[in-house]
């Protein structure tokens, strides 16, 4: 028993990784290729990907939006967990990074589940609203530029069905959110969204200390 989340020391994390991961080979390959790139730390951790895949299976999620795709690891992880008729809209602006993801999506046999939209995510989200898709999505994963996180959150609530789930990544921001002296725009935006979601009666929420912190918010 513990009154608080246990500290993840290096040795404990090594044990956790050893007994926790069940990562398909295709995901391992993509993660290792991404690790050789600049900005590799933008990729989610394998334990977070596995946790999100479990949520998708538990809730039977079939219609998903991903805001921020990078090299496609999280999209691949989610697509593998979705049913055969599942659809994931992946929003990003970088054709080079997402091209890597597209290679792996095809190799894994899930490319037909993923629709890549190369445009600013807010434009894609507003297009979905204009198409009348409000209230039709099951899950929105937010992992893009942090200064727009509040806008992404509001669009996500609009597009989600009742009972749908939002996941916001990087909410612990390497610990920076707990430093009141840190007034960097990204840090402030993440600190503000943490406060906002906590007090938002439109959702039921929980912040999970996995990866760099993941806030889950279920639309009421």
C-alpha atoms as a PDB file:
ATOM      1  CA  UNK A   1       0.000   0.000   0.000  1.00  0.00           C
ATOM      2  CA  UNK A   2       1.098   3.558  -0.663  1.00  0.00           C
ATOM      3  CA  UNK A   3      -0.440   6.944   0.070  1.00  0.00           C
ATOM      4  CA  UNK A   4       1.087   8.418  -3.098  1.00  0.00           C
ATOM      5  CA  UNK A   5       2.456   7.350  -6.473  1.00  0.00           C
ATOM      6  CA  UNK A   6       5.730   5.513  -6.013  1.00  0.00           C
ATOM      7  CA  UNK A   7       8.903   7.258  -7.230  1.00  0.00           C
ATOM      8  CA  UNK A   8      10.106   5.663 -10.473  1.00  0.00           C
ATOM      9  CA  UNK A   9      13.833   5.120  -9.881  1.00  0.00           C
ATOM     10  CA  UNK A  10      16.043   3.822 -12.702  1.00  0.00           C
ATOM     11  CA  UNK A  11      16.079   0.300 -11.289  1.00  0.00           C
ATOM     12  CA  UNK A  12      12.325   0.284 -10.694  1.00  0.00           C
ATOM     13  CA  UNK A  13      11.682   1.634 -14.188  1.00  0.00           C
ATOM     14  CA  UNK A  14      13.877  -1.109 -15.654  1.00  0.00           C
ATOM     15  CA  UNK A  15      11.836  -3.728 -13.779  1.00  0.00           C
ATOM     16  CA  UNK A  16       8.590  -2.058 -14.817  1.00  0.00           C
ATOM     17  CA  UNK A  17       9.669  -2.049 -18.463  1.00  0.00           C
ATOM     18  CA  UNK A  18      10.665  -5.696 -18.291  1.00  0.00           C
ATOM     19  CA  UNK A  19       7.343  -6.960 -16.940  1.00  0.00           C
ATOM     20  CA  UNK A  20       4.971  -4.385 -18.420  1.00  0.00           C
ATOM     21  CA  UNK A  21       5.632  -4.072 -22.133  1.00  0.00           C
ATOM     22  CA  UNK A  22       3.985  -6.225 -24.729  1.00  0.00           C
ATOM     23  CA  UNK A  23       5.164  -4.243 -27.738  1.00  0.00           C
ATOM     24  CA  UNK A  24       4.778  -5.745 -31.234  1.00  0.00           C
ATOM     25  CA  UNK A  25       7.948  -5.897 -33.310  1.00  0.00           C
ATOM     26  CA  UNK A  26       6.657  -3.347 -35.824  1.00  0.00           C
ATOM     27  CA  UNK A  27       6.267  -0.793 -33.038  1.00  0.00           C
ATOM     28  CA  UNK A  28       9.735  -1.540 -31.713  1.00  0.00           C
ATOM     29  CA  UNK A  29      11.182  -0.931 -35.177  1.00  0.00           C
ATOM     30  CA  UNK A  30       9.416   2.409 -35.528  1.00  0.00           C
ATOM     31  CA  UNK A  31      10.420   3.508 -32.037  1.00  0.00           C
ATOM     32  CA  UNK A  32      14.075   2.644 -32.684  1.00  0.00           C
ATOM     33  CA  UNK A  33      14.149   4.459 -36.034  1.00  0.00           C
ATOM     34  CA  UNK A  34      12.546   7.513 -34.448  1.00  0.00           C
ATOM     35  CA  UNK A  35      15.129   7.457 -31.636  1.00  0.00           C
ATOM     36  CA  UNK A  36      17.879   8.285 -34.161  1.00  0.00           C
ATOM     37  CA  UNK A  37      16.111  11.479 -35.270  1.00  0.00           C
ATOM     38  CA  UNK A  38      16.238  15.043 -33.951  1.00  0.00           C
ATOM     39  CA  UNK A  39      13.291  15.733 -31.637  1.00  0.00           C
ATOM     40  CA  UNK A  40      13.005  12.012 -30.847  1.00  0.00           C
ATOM     41  CA  UNK A  41      11.734  12.947 -27.388  1.00  0.00           C
ATOM     42  CA  UNK A  42       8.464  14.028 -29.017  1.00  0.00           C
ATOM     43  CA  UNK A  43       7.476  10.367 -29.324  1.00  0.00           C
ATOM     44  CA  UNK A  44       5.272   8.934 -26.586  1.00  0.00           C
ATOM     45  CA  UNK A  45       6.691   6.268 -24.298  1.00  0.00           C
ATOM     46  CA  UNK A  46       5.855   2.627 -25.044  1.00  0.00           C
ATOM     47  CA  UNK A  47       4.043   2.255 -21.735  1.00  0.00           C
ATOM     48  CA  UNK A  48       1.793   5.183 -22.611  1.00  0.00           C
ATOM     49  CA  UNK A  49       1.067   3.709 -26.027  1.00  0.00           C
ATOM     50  CA  UNK A  50       0.183   0.385 -24.447  1.00  0.00           C
ATOM     51  CA  UNK A  51      -2.076   2.095 -21.909  1.00  0.00           C
ATOM     52  CA  UNK A  52      -3.913   3.994 -24.644  1.00  0.00           C
ATOM     53  CA  UNK A  53      -4.337   0.807 -26.672  1.00  0.00           C
ATOM     54  CA  UNK A  54      -5.915  -0.833 -23.621  1.00  0.00           C
ATOM     55  CA  UNK A  55      -8.348   2.080 -23.276  1.00  0.00           C
ATOM     56  CA  UNK A  56      -9.324   1.698 -26.933  1.00  0.00           C
ATOM     57  CA  UNK A  57      -9.993  -2.009 -26.477  1.00  0.00           C
ATOM     58  CA  UNK A  58     -11.833  -1.556 -23.177  1.00  0.00           C
ATOM     59  CA  UNK A  59     -14.127   1.159 -24.517  1.00  0.00           C
ATOM     60  CA  UNK A  60     -14.502  -0.230 -28.036  1.00  0.00           C
ATOM     61  CA  UNK A  61     -13.325   3.054 -29.568  1.00  0.00           C
ATOM     62  CA  UNK A  62     -13.690   3.162 -33.361  1.00  0.00           C
ATOM     63  CA  UNK A  63     -13.566   6.812 -34.455  1.00  0.00           C
ATOM     64  CA  UNK A  64     -10.472   8.695 -33.301  1.00  0.00           C
ATOM     65  CA  UNK A  65      -8.700  12.005 -33.893  1.00  0.00           C
ATOM     66  CA  UNK A  66      -4.985  12.361 -33.193  1.00  0.00           C
ATOM     67  CA  UNK A  67      -3.701  15.935 -32.944  1.00  0.00           C
ATOM     68  CA  UNK A  68       0.058  15.708 -33.527  1.00  0.00           C
ATOM     69  CA  UNK A  69       1.342  12.564 -35.227  1.00  0.00           C
ATOM     70  CA  UNK A  70       5.151  13.003 -35.506  1.00  0.00           C
ATOM     71  CA  UNK A  71       6.537   9.713 -36.915  1.00  0.00           C
ATOM     72  CA  UNK A  72       3.329   7.793 -36.400  1.00  0.00           C
ATOM     73  CA  UNK A  73       4.070   5.607 -33.365  1.00  0.00           C
ATOM     74  CA  UNK A  74       0.973   6.553 -31.378  1.00  0.00           C
ATOM     75  CA  UNK A  75      -1.243   6.374 -34.482  1.00  0.00           C
ATOM     76  CA  UNK A  76       0.104   2.900 -35.227  1.00  0.00           C
ATOM     77  CA  UNK A  77      -0.385   1.790 -31.626  1.00  0.00           C
ATOM     78  CA  UNK A  78      -3.981   2.979 -31.655  1.00  0.00           C
ATOM     79  CA  UNK A  79      -4.770   1.621 -35.128  1.00  0.00           C
ATOM     80  CA  UNK A  80      -3.550  -1.826 -34.099  1.00  0.00           C
ATOM     81  CA  UNK A  81      -5.958  -1.741 -31.144  1.00  0.00           C
ATOM     82  CA  UNK A  82      -8.941  -0.499 -33.165  1.00  0.00           C
ATOM     83  CA  UNK A  83     -11.414  -2.851 -34.845  1.00  0.00           C
ATOM     84  CA  UNK A  84     -11.026  -3.515 -38.571  1.00  0.00           C
ATOM     85  CA  UNK A  85     -13.617  -0.868 -39.439  1.00  0.00           C
ATOM     86  CA  UNK A  86     -12.044   1.753 -37.159  1.00  0.00           C
ATOM     87  CA  UNK A  87     -11.049   5.157 -38.539  1.00  0.00           C
ATOM     88  CA  UNK A  88      -8.325   7.463 -37.194  1.00  0.00           C
ATOM     89  CA  UNK A  89      -7.777  11.003 -38.469  1.00  0.00           C
ATOM     90  CA  UNK A  90      -4.115  11.929 -37.924  1.00  0.00           C
ATOM     91  CA  UNK A  91      -3.412  15.679 -37.891  1.00  0.00           C
ATOM     92  CA  UNK A  92       0.084  17.020 -38.530  1.00  0.00           C
ATOM     93  CA  UNK A  93       1.952  19.611 -40.618  1.00  0.00           C
ATOM     94  CA  UNK A  94       5.248  17.819 -41.270  1.00  0.00           C
ATOM     95  CA  UNK A  95       5.285  15.642 -44.415  1.00  0.00           C
ATOM     96  CA  UNK A  96       8.789  14.268 -43.716  1.00  0.00           C
ATOM     97  CA  UNK A  97       8.057  12.942 -40.241  1.00  0.00           C
ATOM     98  CA  UNK A  98       4.640  11.558 -41.138  1.00  0.00           C
ATOM     99  CA  UNK A  99       6.058   9.826 -44.234  1.00  0.00           C
ATOM    100  CA  UNK A 100       7.955   7.562 -41.844  1.00  0.00           C
ATOM    101  CA  UNK A 101       4.715   6.738 -40.094  1.00  0.00           C
ATOM    102  CA  UNK A 102       2.994   5.973 -43.377  1.00  0.00           C
ATOM    103  CA  UNK A 103       5.661   3.370 -44.208  1.00  0.00           C
ATOM    104  CA  UNK A 104       5.067   1.578 -40.944  1.00  0.00           C
ATOM    105  CA  UNK A 105       1.275   1.862 -41.133  1.00  0.00           C
ATOM    106  CA  UNK A 106       1.409   0.130 -44.508  1.00  0.00           C
ATOM    107  CA  UNK A 107       3.836  -2.527 -43.269  1.00  0.00           C
ATOM    108  CA  UNK A 108       1.571  -3.236 -40.287  1.00  0.00           C
ATOM    109  CA  UNK A 109      -1.492  -3.534 -42.522  1.00  0.00           C
ATOM    110  CA  UNK A 110      -3.424  -0.700 -40.860  1.00  0.00           C
ATOM    111  CA  UNK A 111      -2.964   2.121 -43.391  1.00  0.00           C
ATOM    112  CA  UNK A 112      -6.615   1.785 -44.420  1.00  0.00           C
ATOM    113  CA  UNK A 113      -7.647   2.783 -40.901  1.00  0.00           C
ATOM    114  CA  UNK A 114      -5.627   6.031 -40.856  1.00  0.00           C
ATOM    115  CA  UNK A 115      -6.427   9.242 -42.742  1.00  0.00           C
ATOM    116  CA  UNK A 116      -3.481  11.667 -42.596  1.00  0.00           C
ATOM    117  CA  UNK A 117      -4.437  15.346 -42.812  1.00  0.00           C
ATOM    118  CA  UNK A 118      -1.398  17.543 -43.541  1.00  0.00           C
ATOM    119  CA  UNK A 119      -2.663  20.936 -42.374  1.00  0.00           C
ATOM    120  CA  UNK A 120      -2.744  22.938 -39.147  1.00  0.00           C
ATOM    121  CA  UNK A 121      -4.808  20.844 -36.777  1.00  0.00           C
ATOM    122  CA  UNK A 122      -7.260  23.643 -35.966  1.00  0.00           C
ATOM    123  CA  UNK A 123      -8.094  23.898 -39.676  1.00  0.00           C
ATOM    124  CA  UNK A 124      -8.740  20.151 -39.848  1.00  0.00           C
ATOM    125  CA  UNK A 125     -10.876  20.233 -36.710  1.00  0.00           C
ATOM    126  CA  UNK A 126     -12.894  23.191 -37.990  1.00  0.00           C
ATOM    127  CA  UNK A 127     -13.425  21.334 -41.273  1.00  0.00           C
ATOM    128  CA  UNK A 128     -14.800  18.351 -39.356  1.00  0.00           C
ATOM    129  CA  UNK A 129     -17.163  20.691 -37.503  1.00  0.00           C
ATOM    130  CA  UNK A 130     -18.257  22.278 -40.794  1.00  0.00           C
ATOM    131  CA  UNK A 131     -18.952  18.803 -42.188  1.00  0.00           C
ATOM    132  CA  UNK A 132     -21.435  18.213 -39.375  1.00  0.00           C
ATOM    133  CA  UNK A 133     -19.322  15.709 -37.442  1.00  0.00           C
ATOM    134  CA  UNK A 134     -19.985  17.237 -34.026  1.00  0.00           C
ATOM    135  CA  UNK A 135     -20.677  14.600 -31.396  1.00  0.00           C
ATOM    136  CA  UNK A 136     -19.541  11.658 -33.526  1.00  0.00           C
ATOM    137  CA  UNK A 137     -15.999  10.861 -32.368  1.00  0.00           C
ATOM    138  CA  UNK A 138     -15.054   8.397 -29.636  1.00  0.00           C
ATOM    139  CA  UNK A 139     -11.559   9.575 -28.696  1.00  0.00           C
ATOM    140  CA  UNK A 140      -9.276  12.566 -29.249  1.00  0.00           C
ATOM    141  CA  UNK A 141      -5.562  12.375 -28.426  1.00  0.00           C
ATOM    142  CA  UNK A 142      -3.939  15.823 -28.076  1.00  0.00           C
ATOM    143  CA  UNK A 143      -0.159  15.815 -28.524  1.00  0.00           C
ATOM    144  CA  UNK A 144       0.736  18.847 -30.639  1.00  0.00           C
ATOM    145  CA  UNK A 145       1.956  22.403 -29.993  1.00  0.00           C
ATOM    146  CA  UNK A 146       1.188  23.280 -26.395  1.00  0.00           C
ATOM    147  CA  UNK A 147       0.165  26.909 -26.788  1.00  0.00           C
ATOM    148  CA  UNK A 148      -2.946  25.779 -28.685  1.00  0.00           C
ATOM    149  CA  UNK A 149      -3.876  23.042 -26.218  1.00  0.00           C
ATOM    150  CA  UNK A 150      -6.928  24.917 -24.923  1.00  0.00           C
ATOM    151  CA  UNK A 151      -8.267  25.395 -28.456  1.00  0.00           C
ATOM    152  CA  UNK A 152      -7.695  21.713 -29.220  1.00  0.00           C
ATOM    153  CA  UNK A 153      -9.498  20.752 -26.028  1.00  0.00           C
ATOM    154  CA  UNK A 154     -12.554  22.867 -26.872  1.00  0.00           C
ATOM    155  CA  UNK A 155     -12.768  21.506 -30.433  1.00  0.00           C
ATOM    156  CA  UNK A 156     -12.356  17.983 -29.067  1.00  0.00           C
ATOM    157  CA  UNK A 157     -15.292  18.449 -26.697  1.00  0.00           C
ATOM    158  CA  UNK A 158     -17.387  19.695 -29.596  1.00  0.00           C
ATOM    159  CA  UNK A 159     -16.523  16.734 -31.827  1.00  0.00           C
ATOM    160  CA  UNK A 160     -16.799  14.030 -29.140  1.00  0.00           C
ATOM    161  CA  UNK A 161     -19.943  12.072 -28.428  1.00  0.00           C
ATOM    162  CA  UNK A 162     -21.206  11.943 -24.863  1.00  0.00           C
ATOM    163  CA  UNK A 163     -19.055   9.353 -23.106  1.00  0.00           C
ATOM    164  CA  UNK A 164     -16.160   9.999 -25.491  1.00  0.00           C
ATOM    165  CA  UNK A 165     -12.636  10.470 -24.169  1.00  0.00           C
ATOM    166  CA  UNK A 166      -9.966  13.153 -24.514  1.00  0.00           C
ATOM    167  CA  UNK A 167      -6.326  12.379 -23.688  1.00  0.00           C
ATOM    168  CA  UNK A 168      -3.928  15.317 -23.316  1.00  0.00           C
ATOM    169  CA  UNK A 169      -0.234  14.459 -23.392  1.00  0.00           C
ATOM    170  CA  UNK A 170       2.746  16.115 -21.638  1.00  0.00           C
ATOM    171  CA  UNK A 171       0.677  17.590 -18.822  1.00  0.00           C
ATOM    172  CA  UNK A 172       3.580  17.190 -16.367  1.00  0.00           C
ATOM    173  CA  UNK A 173       6.036  18.708 -18.881  1.00  0.00           C
ATOM    174  CA  UNK A 174       9.115  17.185 -17.297  1.00  0.00           C
ATOM    175  CA  UNK A 175       8.146  18.721 -13.961  1.00  0.00           C
ATOM    176  CA  UNK A 176       8.212  22.305 -15.263  1.00  0.00           C
ATOM    177  CA  UNK A 177       4.511  22.880 -14.565  1.00  0.00           C
ATOM    178  CA  UNK A 178       5.257  22.656 -10.837  1.00  0.00           C
ATOM    179  CA  UNK A 179       7.829  25.461 -11.018  1.00  0.00           C
ATOM    180  CA  UNK A 180       6.056  28.826 -10.525  1.00  0.00           C
ATOM    181  CA  UNK A 181       9.165  30.606 -11.779  1.00  0.00           C
ATOM    182  CA  UNK A 182       8.789  28.954 -15.187  1.00  0.00           C
ATOM    183  CA  UNK A 183       6.701  31.263 -17.351  1.00  0.00           C
ATOM    184  CA  UNK A 184       7.542  29.812 -20.756  1.00  0.00           C
ATOM    185  CA  UNK A 185       4.442  29.912 -22.998  1.00  0.00           C
ATOM    186  CA  UNK A 186       4.266  26.111 -23.355  1.00  0.00           C
ATOM    187  CA  UNK A 187       4.558  25.615 -19.618  1.00  0.00           C
ATOM    188  CA  UNK A 188       1.925  28.231 -18.851  1.00  0.00           C
ATOM    189  CA  UNK A 189      -0.459  26.717 -21.418  1.00  0.00           C
ATOM    190  CA  UNK A 190      -0.108  23.249 -19.893  1.00  0.00           C
ATOM    191  CA  UNK A 191      -0.464  24.603 -16.368  1.00  0.00           C
ATOM    192  CA  UNK A 192      -3.625  26.439 -17.423  1.00  0.00           C
ATOM    193  CA  UNK A 193      -5.196  23.420 -19.116  1.00  0.00           C
ATOM    194  CA  UNK A 194      -4.526  21.352 -16.005  1.00  0.00           C
ATOM    195  CA  UNK A 195      -6.430  23.864 -13.894  1.00  0.00           C
ATOM    196  CA  UNK A 196      -9.187  24.198 -16.479  1.00  0.00           C
ATOM    197  CA  UNK A 197      -9.878  20.481 -16.860  1.00  0.00           C
ATOM    198  CA  UNK A 198      -9.850  19.978 -13.098  1.00  0.00           C
ATOM    199  CA  UNK A 199     -12.683  22.487 -12.732  1.00  0.00           C
ATOM    200  CA  UNK A 200     -14.565  21.646 -15.933  1.00  0.00           C
ATOM    201  CA  UNK A 201     -17.987  20.217 -15.068  1.00  0.00           C
ATOM    202  CA  UNK A 202     -18.457  19.124 -18.683  1.00  0.00           C
ATOM    203  CA  UNK A 203     -16.078  16.212 -18.073  1.00  0.00           C
ATOM    204  CA  UNK A 204     -15.009  13.577 -15.583  1.00  0.00           C
ATOM    205  CA  UNK A 205     -11.236  13.578 -15.438  1.00  0.00           C
ATOM    206  CA  UNK A 206      -8.079  12.002 -14.061  1.00  0.00           C
ATOM    207  CA  UNK A 207      -4.428  12.937 -14.529  1.00  0.00           C
ATOM    208  CA  UNK A 208      -2.273   9.823 -14.885  1.00  0.00           C
ATOM    209  CA  UNK A 209       1.488  10.047 -14.137  1.00  0.00           C
ATOM    210  CA  UNK A 210       2.513   7.900 -17.102  1.00  0.00           C
ATOM    211  CA  UNK A 211       5.113   9.029 -19.641  1.00  0.00           C
ATOM    212  CA  UNK A 212       5.246  12.826 -19.344  1.00  0.00           C
ATOM    213  CA  UNK A 213       1.798  12.915 -17.767  1.00  0.00           C
ATOM    214  CA  UNK A 214      -1.535  12.144 -19.422  1.00  0.00           C
ATOM    215  CA  UNK A 215      -4.832  13.823 -18.569  1.00  0.00           C
ATOM    216  CA  UNK A 216      -7.961  11.825 -19.373  1.00  0.00           C
ATOM    217  CA  UNK A 217     -11.293  13.664 -19.649  1.00  0.00           C
ATOM    218  CA  UNK A 218     -14.572  11.835 -20.378  1.00  0.00           C
ATOM    219  CA  UNK A 219     -17.314  14.017 -21.864  1.00  0.00           C
ATOM    220  CA  UNK A 220     -20.452  14.022 -19.733  1.00  0.00           C
END
